[in-house]
Amino acid sequence: MLRWLKLAAAAFLAFWLVAAAAFAFDTAIVGQSERLVDSLKTDVEQISNDLQRPVINDAKLS
């Protein structure tokens, strides 16, 4: 009986470690994607403003 209990505890611990690592990875991915979305919004707003008021100068031509 004790052997099965040890085996079940080891299996549960292994599952817990894998699941915890997966959740930590998901959190990191979500944080990175949120930062990238903010950067993309800023870029799109700048492009939209440039298209509404097109001013072409020497710096933009090169």
PDB file of N, CA and C in Angstrom:
ATOM      1  N   MET A   1       0.825  -1.207   0.000  1.00  0.00           N
ATOM      2  CA  MET A   1       0.000   0.000   0.000  1.00  0.00           C
ATOM      3  C   MET A   1       0.863   1.262   0.000  1.00  0.00           C
ATOM      4  N   LEU A   2       1.915   1.241   0.810  1.00  0.00           N
ATOM      5  CA  LEU A   2       2.796   2.405   0.902  1.00  0.00           C
ATOM      6  C   LEU A   2       3.522   2.648  -0.423  1.00  0.00           C
ATOM      7  N   ARG A   3       3.841   1.547  -1.100  1.00  0.00           N
ATOM      8  CA  ARG A   3       4.520   1.678  -2.389  1.00  0.00           C
ATOM      9  C   ARG A   3       3.622   2.398  -3.397  1.00  0.00           C
ATOM     10  N   TRP A   4       2.339   2.059  -3.443  1.00  0.00           N
ATOM     11  CA  TRP A   4       1.407   2.715  -4.354  1.00  0.00           C
ATOM     12  C   TRP A   4       1.217   4.178  -3.991  1.00  0.00           C
ATOM     13  N   LEU A   5       1.232   4.465  -2.705  1.00  0.00           N
ATOM     14  CA  LEU A   5       1.092   5.845  -2.253  1.00  0.00           C
ATOM     15  C   LEU A   5       2.296   6.679  -2.688  1.00  0.00           C
ATOM     16  N   LYS A   6       3.488   6.108  -2.565  1.00  0.00           N
ATOM     17  CA  LYS A   6       4.702   6.804  -3.013  1.00  0.00           C
ATOM     18  C   LYS A   6       4.670   7.021  -4.529  1.00  0.00           C
ATOM     19  N   LEU A   7       4.226   5.995  -5.249  1.00  0.00           N
ATOM     20  CA  LEU A   7       4.147   6.104  -6.706  1.00  0.00           C
ATOM     21  C   LEU A   7       3.138   7.172  -7.117  1.00  0.00           C
ATOM     22  N   ALA A   8       1.994   7.206  -6.450  1.00  0.00           N
ATOM     23  CA  ALA A   8       0.981   8.214  -6.758  1.00  0.00           C
ATOM     24  C   ALA A   8       1.485   9.613  -6.419  1.00  0.00           C
ATOM     25  N   ALA A   9       2.184   9.749  -5.298  1.00  0.00           N
ATOM     26  CA  ALA A   9       2.729  11.053  -4.911  1.00  0.00           C
ATOM     27  C   ALA A   9       3.782  11.512  -5.912  1.00  0.00           C
ATOM     28  N   ALA A  10       4.627  10.605  -6.375  1.00  0.00           N
ATOM     29  CA  ALA A  10       5.653  10.953  -7.360  1.00  0.00           C
ATOM     30  C   ALA A  10       5.015  11.357  -8.689  1.00  0.00           C
ATOM     31  N   ALA A  11       3.978  10.634  -9.093  1.00  0.00           N
ATOM     32  CA  ALA A  11       3.289  10.979 -10.341  1.00  0.00           C
ATOM     33  C   ALA A  11       2.610  12.335 -10.227  1.00  0.00           C
ATOM     34  N   PHE A  12       1.991  12.588  -9.089  1.00  0.00           N
ATOM     35  CA  PHE A  12       1.344  13.885  -8.877  1.00  0.00           C
ATOM     36  C   PHE A  12       2.372  15.009  -8.888  1.00  0.00           C
ATOM     37  N   LEU A  13       3.518  14.807  -8.240  1.00  0.00           N
ATOM     38  CA  LEU A  13       4.568  15.826  -8.216  1.00  0.00           C
ATOM     39  C   LEU A  13       5.100  16.083  -9.624  1.00  0.00           C
ATOM     40  N   ALA A  14       5.312  15.030 -10.398  1.00  0.00           N
ATOM     41  CA  ALA A  14       5.798  15.202 -11.771  1.00  0.00           C
ATOM     42  C   ALA A  14       4.784  15.978 -12.599  1.00  0.00           C
ATOM     43  N   PHE A  15       3.509  15.624 -12.472  1.00  0.00           N
ATOM     44  CA  PHE A  15       2.468  16.349 -13.196  1.00  0.00           C
ATOM     45  C   PHE A  15       2.429  17.806 -12.758  1.00  0.00           C
ATOM     46  N   TRP A  16       2.544  18.061 -11.470  1.00  0.00           N
ATOM     47  CA  TRP A  16       2.492  19.422 -10.931  1.00  0.00           C
ATOM     48  C   TRP A  16       3.647  20.267 -11.476  1.00  0.00           C
ATOM     49  N   LEU A  17       4.838  19.695 -11.536  1.00  0.00           N
ATOM     50  CA  LEU A  17       5.994  20.435 -12.049  1.00  0.00           C
ATOM     51  C   LEU A  17       5.818  20.782 -13.525  1.00  0.00           C
ATOM     52  N   VAL A  18       5.320  19.843 -14.308  1.00  0.00           N
ATOM     53  CA  VAL A  18       5.100  20.100 -15.735  1.00  0.00           C
ATOM     54  C   VAL A  18       4.011  21.150 -15.922  1.00  0.00           C
ATOM     55  N   ALA A  19       2.922  21.033 -15.173  1.00  0.00           N
ATOM     56  CA  ALA A  19       1.816  21.989 -15.302  1.00  0.00           C
ATOM     57  C   ALA A  19       2.243  23.382 -14.861  1.00  0.00           C
ATOM     58  N   ALA A  20       3.008  23.472 -13.781  1.00  0.00           N
ATOM     59  CA  ALA A  20       3.462  24.777 -13.301  1.00  0.00           C
ATOM     60  C   ALA A  20       4.377  25.443 -14.323  1.00  0.00           C
ATOM     61  N   ALA A  21       5.241  24.676 -14.945  1.00  0.00           N
ATOM     62  CA  ALA A  21       6.123  25.234 -15.974  1.00  0.00           C
ATOM     63  C   ALA A  21       5.315  25.713 -17.171  1.00  0.00           C
ATOM     64  N   ALA A  22       4.290  24.972 -17.536  1.00  0.00           N
ATOM     65  CA  ALA A  22       3.447  25.382 -18.667  1.00  0.00           C
ATOM     66  C   ALA A  22       2.699  26.667 -18.350  1.00  0.00           C
ATOM     67  N   PHE A  23       2.185  26.795 -17.141  1.00  0.00           N
ATOM     68  CA  PHE A  23       1.474  28.018 -16.766  1.00  0.00           C
ATOM     69  C   PHE A  23       2.417  29.210 -16.720  1.00  0.00           C
ATOM     70  N   ALA A  24       3.638  29.024 -16.249  1.00  0.00           N
ATOM     71  CA  ALA A  24       4.611  30.119 -16.211  1.00  0.00           C
ATOM     72  C   ALA A  24       4.953  30.558 -17.630  1.00  0.00           C
ATOM     73  N   PHE A  25       5.087  29.622 -18.542  1.00  0.00           N
ATOM     74  CA  PHE A  25       5.383  29.945 -19.931  1.00  0.00           C
ATOM     75  C   PHE A  25       4.237  30.731 -20.542  1.00  0.00           C
ATOM     76  N   ASP A  26       3.004  30.312 -20.285  1.00  0.00           N
ATOM     77  CA  ASP A  26       1.838  31.021 -20.811  1.00  0.00           C
ATOM     78  C   ASP A  26       1.791  32.455 -20.310  1.00  0.00           C
ATOM     79  N   THR A  27       2.097  32.673 -19.042  1.00  0.00           N
ATOM     80  CA  THR A  27       2.090  34.019 -18.469  1.00  0.00           C
ATOM     81  C   THR A  27       3.140  34.891 -19.144  1.00  0.00           C
ATOM     82  N   ALA A  28       4.307  34.329 -19.394  1.00  0.00           N
ATOM     83  CA  ALA A  28       5.362  35.089 -20.059  1.00  0.00           C
ATOM     84  C   ALA A  28       4.951  35.456 -21.480  1.00  0.00           C
ATOM     85  N   ILE A  29       4.337  34.536 -22.186  1.00  0.00           N
ATOM     86  CA  ILE A  29       3.903  34.796 -23.562  1.00  0.00           C
ATOM     87  C   ILE A  29       2.836  35.879 -23.591  1.00  0.00           C
ATOM     88  N   VAL A  30       1.887  35.823 -22.657  1.00  0.00           N
ATOM     89  CA  VAL A  30       0.820  36.828 -22.609  1.00  0.00           C
ATOM     90  C   VAL A  30       1.405  38.205 -22.330  1.00  0.00           C
ATOM     91  N   GLY A  31       2.334  38.310 -21.402  1.00  0.00           N
ATOM     92  CA  GLY A  31       2.955  39.599 -21.098  1.00  0.00           C
ATOM     93  C   GLY A  31       3.707  40.163 -22.291  1.00  0.00           C
ATOM     94  N   GLN A  32       4.435  39.302 -22.981  1.00  0.00           N
ATOM     95  CA  GLN A  32       5.189  39.757 -24.150  1.00  0.00           C
ATOM     96  C   GLN A  32       4.241  40.200 -25.258  1.00  0.00           C
ATOM     97  N   SER A  33       3.179  39.470 -25.475  1.00  0.00           N
ATOM     98  CA  SER A  33       2.248  39.839 -26.544  1.00  0.00           C
ATOM     99  C   SER A  33       1.518  41.136 -26.221  1.00  0.00           C
ATOM    100  N   GLU A  34       1.225  41.386 -24.945  1.00  0.00           N
ATOM    101  CA  GLU A  34       0.580  42.653 -24.579  1.00  0.00           C
ATOM    102  C   GLU A  34       1.505  43.835 -24.864  1.00  0.00           C
ATOM    103  N   ARG A  35       2.789  43.677 -24.578  1.00  0.00           N
ATOM    104  CA  ARG A  35       3.744  44.756 -24.876  1.00  0.00           C
ATOM    105  C   ARG A  35       3.863  44.976 -26.380  1.00  0.00           C
ATOM    106  N   LEU A  36       3.866  43.898 -27.147  1.00  0.00           N
ATOM    107  CA  LEU A  36       3.966  44.026 -28.599  1.00  0.00           C
ATOM    108  C   LEU A  36       2.722  44.674 -29.194  1.00  0.00           C
ATOM    109  N   VAL A  37       1.558  44.399 -28.628  1.00  0.00           N
ATOM    110  CA  VAL A  37       0.324  45.023 -29.115  1.00  0.00           C
ATOM    111  C   VAL A  37       0.372  46.523 -28.886  1.00  0.00           C
ATOM    112  N   ASP A  38       0.866  46.960 -27.728  1.00  0.00           N
ATOM    113  CA  ASP A  38       0.984  48.396 -27.464  1.00  0.00           C
ATOM    114  C   ASP A  38       1.926  49.059 -28.466  1.00  0.00           C
ATOM    115  N   SER A  39       3.033  48.404 -28.756  1.00  0.00           N
ATOM    116  CA  SER A  39       3.980  48.940 -29.731  1.00  0.00           C
ATOM    117  C   SER A  39       3.355  49.002 -31.121  1.00  0.00           C
ATOM    118  N   LEU A  40       2.618  47.974 -31.489  1.00  0.00           N
ATOM    119  CA  LEU A  40       1.961  47.946 -32.795  1.00  0.00           C
ATOM    120  C   LEU A  40       0.914  49.043 -32.910  1.00  0.00           C
ATOM    121  N   LYS A  41       0.152  49.284 -31.841  1.00  0.00           N
ATOM    122  CA  LYS A  41      -0.848  50.356 -31.856  1.00  0.00           C
ATOM    123  C   LYS A  41      -0.190  51.708 -32.088  1.00  0.00           C
ATOM    124  N   THR A  42       0.934  51.947 -31.434  1.00  0.00           N
ATOM    125  CA  THR A  42       1.650  53.207 -31.611  1.00  0.00           C
ATOM    126  C   THR A  42       2.110  53.366 -33.055  1.00  0.00           C
ATOM    127  N   ASP A  43       2.657  52.299 -33.631  1.00  0.00           N
ATOM    128  CA  ASP A  43       3.115  52.356 -35.021  1.00  0.00           C
ATOM    129  C   ASP A  43       1.959  52.595 -35.989  1.00  0.00           C
ATOM    130  N   VAL A  44       0.840  51.928 -35.761  1.00  0.00           N
ATOM    131  CA  VAL A  44      -0.315  52.090 -36.650  1.00  0.00           C
ATOM    132  C   VAL A  44      -0.880  53.502 -36.552  1.00  0.00           C
ATOM    133  N   GLU A  45      -0.924  54.059 -35.347  1.00  0.00           N
ATOM    134  CA  GLU A  45      -1.406  55.438 -35.188  1.00  0.00           C
ATOM    135  C   GLU A  45      -0.502  56.420 -35.928  1.00  0.00           C
ATOM    136  N   GLN A  46       0.808  56.217 -35.841  1.00  0.00           N
ATOM    137  CA  GLN A  46       1.739  57.110 -36.532  1.00  0.00           C
ATOM    138  C   GLN A  46       1.570  56.987 -38.046  1.00  0.00           C
ATOM    139  N   ILE A  47       1.439  55.789 -38.547  1.00  0.00           N
ATOM    140  CA  ILE A  47       1.242  55.596 -39.987  1.00  0.00           C
ATOM    141  C   ILE A  47      -0.077  56.207 -40.433  1.00  0.00           C
ATOM    142  N   SER A  48      -1.114  56.030 -39.639  1.00  0.00           N
ATOM    143  CA  SER A  48      -2.420  56.603 -39.970  1.00  0.00           C
ATOM    144  C   SER A  48      -2.356  58.124 -40.020  1.00  0.00           C
ATOM    145  N   ASN A  49      -1.676  58.722 -39.054  1.00  0.00           N
ATOM    146  CA  ASN A  49      -1.530  60.181 -39.048  1.00  0.00           C
ATOM    147  C   ASN A  49      -0.721  60.665 -40.245  1.00  0.00           C
ATOM    148  N   ASP A  50       0.324  59.932 -40.602  1.00  0.00           N
ATOM    149  CA  ASP A  50       1.128  60.315 -41.766  1.00  0.00           C
ATOM    150  C   ASP A  50       0.318  60.224 -43.058  1.00  0.00           C
ATOM    151  N   LEU A  51      -0.555  59.249 -43.152  1.00  0.00           N
ATOM    152  CA  LEU A  51      -1.370  59.112 -44.355  1.00  0.00           C
ATOM    153  C   LEU A  51      -2.455  60.183 -44.438  1.00  0.00           C
ATOM    154  N   GLN A  52      -2.926  60.651 -43.296  1.00  0.00           N
ATOM    155  CA  GLN A  52      -3.942  61.700 -43.304  1.00  0.00           C
ATOM    156  C   GLN A  52      -3.347  63.045 -43.695  1.00  0.00           C
ATOM    157  N   ARG A  53      -2.110  63.292 -43.281  1.00  0.00           N
ATOM    158  CA  ARG A  53      -1.446  64.555 -43.599  1.00  0.00           C
ATOM    159  C   ARG A  53      -0.093  64.245 -44.241  1.00  0.00           C
ATOM    160  N   PRO A  54      -0.089  63.884 -45.505  1.00  0.00           N
ATOM    161  CA  PRO A  54       1.184  63.496 -46.119  1.00  0.00           C
ATOM    162  C   PRO A  54       2.115  64.695 -46.317  1.00  0.00           C
ATOM    163  N   VAL A  55       3.235  64.635 -45.667  1.00  0.00           N
ATOM    164  CA  VAL A  55       4.277  65.646 -45.822  1.00  0.00           C
ATOM    165  C   VAL A  55       5.548  64.887 -46.178  1.00  0.00           C
ATOM    166  N   ILE A  56       6.003  65.085 -47.393  1.00  0.00           N
ATOM    167  CA  ILE A  56       7.197  64.376 -47.834  1.00  0.00           C
ATOM    168  C   ILE A  56       8.359  65.357 -47.822  1.00  0.00           C
ATOM    169  N   ASN A  57       9.334  65.048 -47.003  1.00  0.00           N
ATOM    170  CA  ASN A  57      10.536  65.878 -46.953  1.00  0.00           C
ATOM    171  C   ASN A  57      11.740  65.018 -47.341  1.00  0.00           C
ATOM    172  N   ASP A  58      12.903  65.622 -47.334  1.00  0.00           N
ATOM    173  CA  ASP A  58      14.110  64.913 -47.755  1.00  0.00           C
ATOM    174  C   ASP A  58      14.412  63.707 -46.869  1.00  0.00           C
ATOM    175  N   ALA A  59      14.131  63.818 -45.578  1.00  0.00           N
ATOM    176  CA  ALA A  59      14.429  62.711 -44.668  1.00  0.00           C
ATOM    177  C   ALA A  59      13.574  61.485 -44.982  1.00  0.00           C
ATOM    178  N   LYS A  60      12.326  61.692 -45.359  1.00  0.00           N
ATOM    179  CA  LYS A  60      11.452  60.563 -45.660  1.00  0.00           C
ATOM    180  C   LYS A  60      11.727  59.971 -47.038  1.00  0.00           C
ATOM    181  N   LEU A  61      12.317  60.738 -47.921  1.00  0.00           N
ATOM    182  CA  LEU A  61      12.629  60.232 -49.254  1.00  0.00           C
ATOM    183  C   LEU A  61      13.852  59.325 -49.256  1.00  0.00           C
ATOM    184  N   SER A  62      14.731  59.500 -48.298  1.00  0.00           N
ATOM    185  CA  SER A  62      15.958  58.692 -48.289  1.00  0.00           C
ATOM    186  C   SER A  62      15.861  57.511 -47.366  1.00  0.00           C
TER     187      SER A  62
END
